[in-house]
Each structure stands twice: as C-alpha cells, then as structure tokens.
N, C-alpha and C. Protein backbone atom coordinates (compact mmCIF):
# COMPACT_ATOMS: atom_id res chain seq x y z
N MET A 1 0.84 -1.17 0.00
CA MET A 1 0.00 0.00 0.00
C MET A 1 0.89 1.24 0.00
N PRO A 2 0.79 2.09 -1.00
CA PRO A 2 1.65 3.27 -1.08
C PRO A 2 1.28 4.29 0.00
N THR A 3 2.31 4.99 0.48
CA THR A 3 2.06 6.02 1.48
C THR A 3 1.57 7.29 0.80
N ARG A 4 0.76 8.00 1.51
CA ARG A 4 0.20 9.24 0.98
C ARG A 4 1.27 10.33 0.99
N GLN A 5 1.44 10.99 -0.12
CA GLN A 5 2.42 12.07 -0.24
C GLN A 5 1.80 13.37 0.27
N LEU A 6 2.44 13.99 1.23
CA LEU A 6 1.94 15.25 1.78
C LEU A 6 2.34 16.40 0.87
N PRO A 7 1.49 17.41 0.79
CA PRO A 7 1.86 18.58 -0.02
C PRO A 7 3.02 19.33 0.63
N PRO A 8 3.78 20.08 -0.14
CA PRO A 8 4.91 20.82 0.45
C PRO A 8 4.42 21.90 1.40
N PRO A 9 5.26 22.28 2.35
CA PRO A 9 4.85 23.30 3.31
C PRO A 9 4.72 24.68 2.63
N ASP A 10 4.01 25.54 3.30
CA ASP A 10 3.85 26.91 2.81
C ASP A 10 5.20 27.61 2.76
N PRO A 11 5.34 28.61 1.91
CA PRO A 11 6.60 29.36 1.85
C PRO A 11 6.98 30.00 3.19
N ALA A 12 6.00 30.46 3.94
CA ALA A 12 6.29 31.07 5.25
C ALA A 12 6.89 30.04 6.21
N VAL A 13 6.39 28.81 6.15
CA VAL A 13 6.91 27.75 7.01
C VAL A 13 8.32 27.37 6.58
N ARG A 14 8.55 27.30 5.27
CA ARG A 14 9.90 27.00 4.77
C ARG A 14 10.89 28.08 5.16
N GLN A 15 10.46 29.34 5.08
CA GLN A 15 11.35 30.44 5.47
C GLN A 15 11.66 30.40 6.96
N ARG A 16 10.66 30.07 7.75
CA ARG A 16 10.86 29.96 9.20
C ARG A 16 11.85 28.84 9.51
N ALA A 17 11.71 27.72 8.82
CA ALA A 17 12.62 26.59 9.05
C ALA A 17 14.04 26.94 8.61
N LEU A 18 14.18 27.60 7.49
CA LEU A 18 15.50 28.00 7.00
C LEU A 18 16.13 29.02 7.95
N ALA A 19 15.33 29.93 8.48
CA ALA A 19 15.84 30.89 9.45
C ALA A 19 16.30 30.18 10.73
N ALA A 20 15.57 29.15 11.13
CA ALA A 20 15.97 28.37 12.31
C ALA A 20 17.32 27.71 12.07
N PHE A 21 17.49 27.12 10.90
CA PHE A 21 18.76 26.48 10.57
C PHE A 21 19.89 27.50 10.54
N ALA A 22 19.66 28.64 9.88
CA ALA A 22 20.70 29.66 9.76
C ALA A 22 21.10 30.21 11.13
N LEU A 23 20.14 30.48 11.99
CA LEU A 23 20.46 31.00 13.33
C LEU A 23 21.16 29.94 14.19
N GLY A 24 20.73 28.68 14.06
CA GLY A 24 21.41 27.62 14.81
C GLY A 24 22.85 27.46 14.37
N LEU A 25 23.07 27.50 13.07
CA LEU A 25 24.43 27.40 12.54
C LEU A 25 25.25 28.61 12.95
N LEU A 26 24.66 29.79 12.86
CA LEU A 26 25.35 31.01 13.24
C LEU A 26 25.71 31.01 14.72
N SER A 27 24.87 30.42 15.55
CA SER A 27 25.18 30.38 16.98
C SER A 27 26.43 29.55 17.25
N LEU A 28 26.63 28.48 16.49
CA LEU A 28 27.83 27.67 16.68
C LEU A 28 29.06 28.31 16.06
N ILE A 29 28.91 28.85 14.86
CA ILE A 29 30.05 29.49 14.20
C ILE A 29 30.48 30.72 14.99
N GLY A 30 29.52 31.49 15.48
CA GLY A 30 29.84 32.67 16.28
C GLY A 30 30.61 32.32 17.54
N LEU A 31 30.26 31.22 18.17
CA LEU A 31 31.00 30.80 19.36
C LEU A 31 32.43 30.43 19.01
N LEU A 32 32.61 29.74 17.90
CA LEU A 32 33.96 29.34 17.51
C LEU A 32 34.84 30.53 17.16
N LEU A 33 34.27 31.51 16.50
CA LEU A 33 35.06 32.64 16.03
C LEU A 33 35.18 33.77 17.04
N GLY A 34 34.26 33.87 17.98
CA GLY A 34 34.22 35.03 18.84
C GLY A 34 34.78 34.87 20.22
N LEU A 35 35.38 33.75 20.54
CA LEU A 35 35.81 33.53 21.92
C LEU A 35 37.30 33.73 22.14
N GLY A 36 37.99 34.33 21.20
CA GLY A 36 39.43 34.56 21.36
C GLY A 36 39.74 35.64 22.37
N ASN A 37 38.89 36.63 22.49
CA ASN A 37 39.08 37.73 23.42
C ASN A 37 38.14 37.51 24.59
N LEU A 38 38.65 37.60 25.80
CA LEU A 38 37.86 37.26 26.99
C LEU A 38 36.66 38.19 27.17
N ARG A 39 36.87 39.48 27.07
CA ARG A 39 35.78 40.43 27.28
C ARG A 39 34.75 40.33 26.15
N ARG A 40 35.23 40.20 24.93
CA ARG A 40 34.32 40.05 23.80
C ARG A 40 33.60 38.70 23.88
N GLY A 41 34.25 37.70 24.45
CA GLY A 41 33.66 36.37 24.57
C GLY A 41 32.39 36.34 25.37
N ILE A 42 32.27 37.21 26.36
CA ILE A 42 31.05 37.27 27.17
C ILE A 42 29.89 37.74 26.31
N VAL A 43 30.11 38.83 25.59
CA VAL A 43 29.06 39.38 24.73
C VAL A 43 28.69 38.39 23.65
N VAL A 44 29.71 37.77 23.04
CA VAL A 44 29.45 36.80 21.98
C VAL A 44 28.64 35.63 22.52
N ALA A 45 28.99 35.13 23.68
CA ALA A 45 28.27 33.98 24.25
C ALA A 45 26.81 34.33 24.54
N VAL A 46 26.56 35.52 25.04
CA VAL A 46 25.18 35.92 25.33
C VAL A 46 24.37 36.08 24.04
N VAL A 47 24.98 36.72 23.04
CA VAL A 47 24.27 36.91 21.76
C VAL A 47 24.03 35.56 21.08
N MET A 48 25.02 34.69 21.10
CA MET A 48 24.87 33.38 20.46
C MET A 48 23.86 32.51 21.21
N LEU A 49 23.77 32.69 22.52
CA LEU A 49 22.75 32.00 23.30
C LEU A 49 21.36 32.46 22.85
N ALA A 50 21.20 33.76 22.65
CA ALA A 50 19.92 34.28 22.16
C ALA A 50 19.61 33.75 20.76
N PHE A 51 20.61 33.72 19.87
CA PHE A 51 20.40 33.18 18.52
C PHE A 51 19.96 31.72 18.59
N ALA A 52 20.58 30.96 19.46
CA ALA A 52 20.26 29.53 19.57
C ALA A 52 18.84 29.33 20.10
N VAL A 53 18.44 30.12 21.07
CA VAL A 53 17.08 30.01 21.61
C VAL A 53 16.06 30.36 20.53
N VAL A 54 16.32 31.40 19.76
CA VAL A 54 15.41 31.79 18.68
C VAL A 54 15.39 30.70 17.61
N ALA A 55 16.53 30.08 17.32
CA ALA A 55 16.56 29.00 16.33
C ALA A 55 15.68 27.84 16.77
N ILE A 56 15.74 27.48 18.03
CA ILE A 56 14.89 26.39 18.54
C ILE A 56 13.43 26.77 18.41
N TRP A 57 13.10 27.99 18.80
CA TRP A 57 11.71 28.45 18.73
C TRP A 57 11.20 28.44 17.29
N LEU A 58 12.00 28.96 16.36
CA LEU A 58 11.58 28.99 14.96
C LEU A 58 11.40 27.58 14.39
N GLY A 59 12.32 26.67 14.72
CA GLY A 59 12.23 25.30 14.22
C GLY A 59 11.02 24.57 14.76
N VAL A 60 10.76 24.73 16.04
CA VAL A 60 9.60 24.06 16.65
C VAL A 60 8.30 24.62 16.08
N THR A 61 8.20 25.93 15.95
CA THR A 61 6.97 26.50 15.42
C THR A 61 6.78 26.18 13.95
N ALA A 62 7.86 26.04 13.19
CA ALA A 62 7.73 25.63 11.78
C ALA A 62 7.17 24.21 11.70
N ASN A 63 7.65 23.32 12.55
CA ASN A 63 7.12 21.95 12.57
C ASN A 63 5.65 21.93 12.98
N ARG A 64 5.29 22.72 13.98
CA ARG A 64 3.89 22.76 14.42
C ARG A 64 2.96 23.27 13.33
N ARG A 65 3.39 24.33 12.66
CA ARG A 65 2.56 24.89 11.60
C ARG A 65 2.39 23.91 10.44
N ALA A 66 3.46 23.20 10.11
CA ALA A 66 3.37 22.21 9.03
C ALA A 66 2.41 21.08 9.44
N ARG A 67 2.50 20.63 10.65
CA ARG A 67 1.61 19.56 11.13
C ARG A 67 0.17 20.04 11.18
N ARG A 68 -0.05 21.27 11.65
CA ARG A 68 -1.39 21.82 11.77
C ARG A 68 -2.05 22.01 10.41
N THR A 69 -1.26 22.39 9.41
CA THR A 69 -1.84 22.61 8.07
C THR A 69 -1.87 21.33 7.23
N GLY A 70 -1.33 20.24 7.75
CA GLY A 70 -1.35 18.97 7.03
C GLY A 70 -0.37 18.90 5.88
N THR A 71 0.71 19.65 5.98
CA THR A 71 1.73 19.63 4.93
C THR A 71 2.96 18.87 5.43
N ALA A 72 3.88 18.66 4.52
CA ALA A 72 5.12 17.98 4.87
C ALA A 72 5.93 18.88 5.81
N ARG A 73 6.77 18.25 6.59
CA ARG A 73 7.63 19.00 7.50
C ARG A 73 8.65 19.79 6.68
N ALA A 74 8.91 21.01 7.10
CA ALA A 74 9.88 21.85 6.41
C ALA A 74 11.27 21.24 6.54
N ARG A 75 12.04 21.31 5.48
CA ARG A 75 13.31 20.61 5.38
C ARG A 75 14.31 20.96 6.47
N TRP A 76 14.46 22.22 6.84
CA TRP A 76 15.52 22.64 7.73
C TRP A 76 15.09 22.81 9.18
N ALA A 77 13.85 22.54 9.49
CA ALA A 77 13.33 22.81 10.84
C ALA A 77 14.02 21.97 11.91
N VAL A 78 14.12 20.68 11.68
CA VAL A 78 14.73 19.80 12.69
C VAL A 78 16.21 20.12 12.85
N SER A 79 16.88 20.39 11.74
CA SER A 79 18.30 20.76 11.82
C SER A 79 18.48 22.04 12.61
N GLY A 80 17.57 23.00 12.42
CA GLY A 80 17.64 24.24 13.19
C GLY A 80 17.47 24.01 14.67
N VAL A 81 16.56 23.11 15.03
CA VAL A 81 16.34 22.80 16.45
C VAL A 81 17.58 22.12 17.03
N VAL A 82 18.15 21.18 16.30
CA VAL A 82 19.33 20.46 16.80
C VAL A 82 20.52 21.41 16.94
N LEU A 83 20.79 22.20 15.91
CA LEU A 83 21.90 23.15 16.00
C LEU A 83 21.66 24.20 17.09
N GLY A 84 20.43 24.64 17.22
CA GLY A 84 20.09 25.57 18.29
C GLY A 84 20.32 24.94 19.67
N GLY A 85 19.99 23.67 19.80
CA GLY A 85 20.24 22.97 21.07
C GLY A 85 21.72 22.91 21.41
N PHE A 86 22.54 22.61 20.40
CA PHE A 86 23.99 22.62 20.63
C PHE A 86 24.47 24.02 20.96
N GLY A 87 23.92 25.02 20.29
CA GLY A 87 24.29 26.40 20.57
C GLY A 87 23.95 26.81 21.99
N VAL A 88 22.77 26.41 22.46
CA VAL A 88 22.37 26.71 23.84
C VAL A 88 23.32 26.01 24.81
N ALA A 89 23.60 24.75 24.56
CA ALA A 89 24.46 23.99 25.47
C ALA A 89 25.87 24.59 25.55
N PHE A 90 26.47 24.86 24.40
CA PHE A 90 27.83 25.39 24.40
C PHE A 90 27.90 26.81 24.95
N SER A 91 26.92 27.65 24.62
CA SER A 91 26.90 29.02 25.15
C SER A 91 26.73 29.00 26.66
N ALA A 92 25.81 28.20 27.14
CA ALA A 92 25.59 28.12 28.59
C ALA A 92 26.82 27.57 29.30
N LEU A 93 27.45 26.57 28.70
CA LEU A 93 28.67 26.01 29.30
C LEU A 93 29.77 27.07 29.37
N TRP A 94 29.96 27.82 28.28
CA TRP A 94 30.99 28.85 28.27
C TRP A 94 30.69 29.94 29.30
N LEU A 95 29.43 30.33 29.44
CA LEU A 95 29.08 31.34 30.43
C LEU A 95 29.30 30.83 31.86
N MET A 96 29.04 29.54 32.09
CA MET A 96 29.30 28.97 33.42
C MET A 96 30.81 28.93 33.71
N VAL A 97 31.61 28.58 32.69
CA VAL A 97 33.07 28.57 32.87
C VAL A 97 33.55 29.97 33.19
N LEU A 98 33.03 30.96 32.48
CA LEU A 98 33.42 32.34 32.76
C LEU A 98 33.02 32.76 34.17
N LEU A 99 31.85 32.35 34.59
CA LEU A 99 31.38 32.70 35.92
C LEU A 99 32.27 32.10 37.00
N VAL A 100 32.64 30.86 36.83
CA VAL A 100 33.42 30.16 37.85
C VAL A 100 34.90 30.56 37.81
N PHE A 101 35.46 30.69 36.61
CA PHE A 101 36.91 30.89 36.47
C PHE A 101 37.29 32.29 35.99
N TRP A 102 36.44 33.28 36.20
CA TRP A 102 36.73 34.61 35.71
C TRP A 102 38.08 35.16 36.21
N PRO A 103 38.38 35.11 37.52
CA PRO A 103 39.67 35.67 37.96
C PRO A 103 40.86 34.96 37.32
N GLN A 104 40.81 33.65 37.22
CA GLN A 104 41.91 32.90 36.63
C GLN A 104 42.07 33.21 35.14
N LEU A 105 40.95 33.25 34.43
CA LEU A 105 41.01 33.54 32.99
C LEU A 105 41.49 34.96 32.74
N SER A 106 41.03 35.89 33.53
CA SER A 106 41.42 37.28 33.36
C SER A 106 42.93 37.45 33.58
N SER A 107 43.44 36.86 34.64
CA SER A 107 44.89 36.98 34.90
C SER A 107 45.69 36.23 33.83
N TYR A 108 45.18 35.12 33.33
CA TYR A 108 45.87 34.38 32.27
C TYR A 108 45.95 35.20 30.99
N TYR A 109 44.83 35.81 30.59
CA TYR A 109 44.84 36.63 29.37
C TYR A 109 45.76 37.84 29.53
N ASN A 110 45.77 38.46 30.71
CA ASN A 110 46.67 39.59 30.96
C ASN A 110 48.13 39.14 30.92
N CYS A 111 48.41 37.98 31.50
CA CYS A 111 49.77 37.44 31.49
C CYS A 111 50.22 37.13 30.07
N MET A 112 49.35 36.50 29.29
CA MET A 112 49.72 36.14 27.91
C MET A 112 49.89 37.38 27.04
N ALA A 113 49.16 38.45 27.34
CA ALA A 113 49.31 39.68 26.56
C ALA A 113 50.70 40.29 26.75
N GLY A 114 51.29 40.09 27.92
CA GLY A 114 52.63 40.63 28.17
C GLY A 114 53.74 39.64 27.97
N ALA A 115 53.42 38.39 27.62
CA ALA A 115 54.45 37.36 27.46
C ALA A 115 55.05 37.47 26.06
N ASN A 116 56.34 37.81 26.02
CA ASN A 116 57.00 37.99 24.73
C ASN A 116 57.86 36.80 24.32
N THR A 117 58.07 35.88 25.23
CA THR A 117 58.90 34.71 24.92
C THR A 117 58.11 33.44 25.19
N VAL A 118 58.62 32.36 24.67
CA VAL A 118 57.98 31.06 24.90
C VAL A 118 58.04 30.71 26.38
N THR A 119 59.14 31.02 27.03
CA THR A 119 59.28 30.74 28.46
C THR A 119 58.24 31.51 29.26
N ALA A 120 58.02 32.76 28.92
CA ALA A 120 57.02 33.56 29.62
C ALA A 120 55.62 32.99 29.39
N GLN A 121 55.33 32.54 28.18
CA GLN A 121 54.04 31.93 27.89
C GLN A 121 53.86 30.64 28.67
N GLN A 122 54.91 29.85 28.79
CA GLN A 122 54.83 28.62 29.58
C GLN A 122 54.60 28.92 31.05
N THR A 123 55.20 30.00 31.54
CA THR A 123 54.98 30.40 32.92
C THR A 123 53.53 30.81 33.14
N CYS A 124 52.98 31.57 32.18
CA CYS A 124 51.56 31.95 32.27
C CYS A 124 50.67 30.71 32.29
N HIS A 125 50.97 29.78 31.42
CA HIS A 125 50.18 28.55 31.35
C HIS A 125 50.28 27.76 32.66
N SER A 126 51.48 27.68 33.21
CA SER A 126 51.68 26.95 34.46
C SER A 126 50.91 27.61 35.61
N GLN A 127 50.97 28.94 35.69
CA GLN A 127 50.23 29.65 36.74
C GLN A 127 48.72 29.43 36.57
N PHE A 128 48.26 29.48 35.34
CA PHE A 128 46.84 29.28 35.08
C PHE A 128 46.41 27.87 35.49
N THR A 129 47.20 26.87 35.14
CA THR A 129 46.88 25.49 35.47
C THR A 129 46.81 25.29 36.98
N LYS A 130 47.76 25.88 37.71
CA LYS A 130 47.76 25.75 39.17
C LYS A 130 46.55 26.44 39.79
N SER A 131 46.21 27.63 39.30
CA SER A 131 45.08 28.36 39.89
C SER A 131 43.75 27.67 39.57
N VAL A 132 43.63 27.12 38.38
CA VAL A 132 42.41 26.39 38.03
C VAL A 132 42.32 25.10 38.84
N GLY A 133 43.45 24.43 39.03
CA GLY A 133 43.47 23.21 39.83
C GLY A 133 43.04 23.47 41.26
N SER A 134 43.49 24.57 41.84
CA SER A 134 43.07 24.87 43.22
C SER A 134 41.59 25.22 43.26
N GLU A 135 41.10 25.91 42.23
CA GLU A 135 39.66 26.23 42.17
C GLU A 135 38.84 24.96 42.02
N MET A 136 39.31 24.02 41.22
CA MET A 136 38.59 22.76 41.04
C MET A 136 38.53 21.98 42.35
N SER A 137 39.61 22.00 43.12
CA SER A 137 39.58 21.28 44.39
C SER A 137 38.59 21.93 45.35
N VAL A 138 38.47 23.25 45.31
CA VAL A 138 37.49 23.95 46.14
C VAL A 138 36.08 23.55 45.72
N LEU A 139 35.86 23.50 44.40
CA LEU A 139 34.53 23.13 43.91
C LEU A 139 34.18 21.69 44.24
N GLN A 140 35.16 20.80 44.19
CA GLN A 140 34.90 19.39 44.48
C GLN A 140 34.64 19.15 45.95
N ASN A 141 35.45 19.76 46.80
CA ASN A 141 35.38 19.45 48.22
C ASN A 141 34.65 20.50 49.05
N GLY A 142 34.41 21.65 48.49
CA GLY A 142 33.70 22.69 49.22
C GLY A 142 34.53 23.40 50.26
N ARG A 143 35.83 23.17 50.29
CA ARG A 143 36.70 23.83 51.26
C ARG A 143 37.93 24.36 50.55
N LEU A 144 38.51 25.37 51.12
CA LEU A 144 39.77 25.89 50.60
C LEU A 144 40.89 24.92 50.92
N PRO A 145 41.96 24.88 50.11
CA PRO A 145 43.07 23.97 50.39
C PRO A 145 43.70 24.21 51.76
N ALA A 146 43.78 25.46 52.22
CA ALA A 146 44.35 25.74 53.53
C ALA A 146 43.49 25.15 54.64
N GLU A 147 42.18 25.17 54.46
CA GLU A 147 41.27 24.59 55.46
C GLU A 147 41.48 23.07 55.55
N ARG A 148 41.68 22.42 54.38
CA ARG A 148 41.90 20.98 54.38
C ARG A 148 43.21 20.65 55.10
N ALA A 149 44.25 21.43 54.86
CA ALA A 149 45.55 21.17 55.49
C ALA A 149 45.45 21.36 57.01
N ALA A 150 44.67 22.35 57.45
CA ALA A 150 44.53 22.58 58.87
C ALA A 150 43.76 21.46 59.56
N ARG A 151 42.84 20.82 58.84
CA ARG A 151 42.04 19.74 59.43
C ARG A 151 42.76 18.41 59.39
N SER A 152 43.79 18.30 58.58
CA SER A 152 44.51 17.01 58.46
C SER A 152 45.45 16.80 59.60
C-alpha cells in the first residue's frame, strides 16, 4: 500500500525553518570565532545563546505549523532545532566557565598579553593550570586547600 504524499509546506513555514537552521548554525560558528578575546567572549556567548534560543523556537513553530496545516515538514526545521540545542548547550557552558573561572582567565589573558617569549608563555600557562586546579579542588570538596591542610 503506497504512502500518501503530503503537499509541500507553505513558503512562510519553509522560510521559518531555514531561518531556524541559519540561526542555529550562526550560533555555533559565532562561538567558535568570537571567543578569542575574553571580554568580547562574554558578549558573543550571550548573543549566540539568544540566537540559539530563537533557532529552537523557529524550528519548533515551523514543525507545528506544518503539522497543523497537514503539509510535509519543512526541510531545515529539525536541523535548526538540533543546531540551536547545541548552541544553547555550548553558550551556557561557556558562560558557566566564565562565571566560575573569571579571575583565573582574566589573569591568564593579561599574562599572555605581556608574554614575549615562549618561556614567559609557559609560565603563564603553568600559573593558570595551578590556579584552576586549586579552584577545582574547592569546587569538588567545598573547602579551601588551607582549610583541608589545617584539618589534616
């Protein structure tokens, strides 16, 4: 028994789905290209988070409209939702990293800006690794390293 072929979606639904795909893709590309500078990275992450949320909304509403009108699903709607989901996840993750490690990242970027030799860059990296490691131990155990040493 052959399956019934659904009519193509309306142009407005297709445009909405394509916009969802474009914004979802832009949210990921923007994150990749815009995070080199720490201060600019905050703005980029917030804007890309907004793009990703709008991509999800556009993709979901395009699918709903296609289903409601009895037409085929728009080609790019699901891709827009998926890419928007990745954009939300990566943007939120980057914002959480910035929130938790802002002092360490800020001092690392300042150190690297003044590092003119490979040795100086390695020193910056070593300091950053140590400071992040101590922050991670605080997050894992809920106590400062000095407090743990005093209790031991």
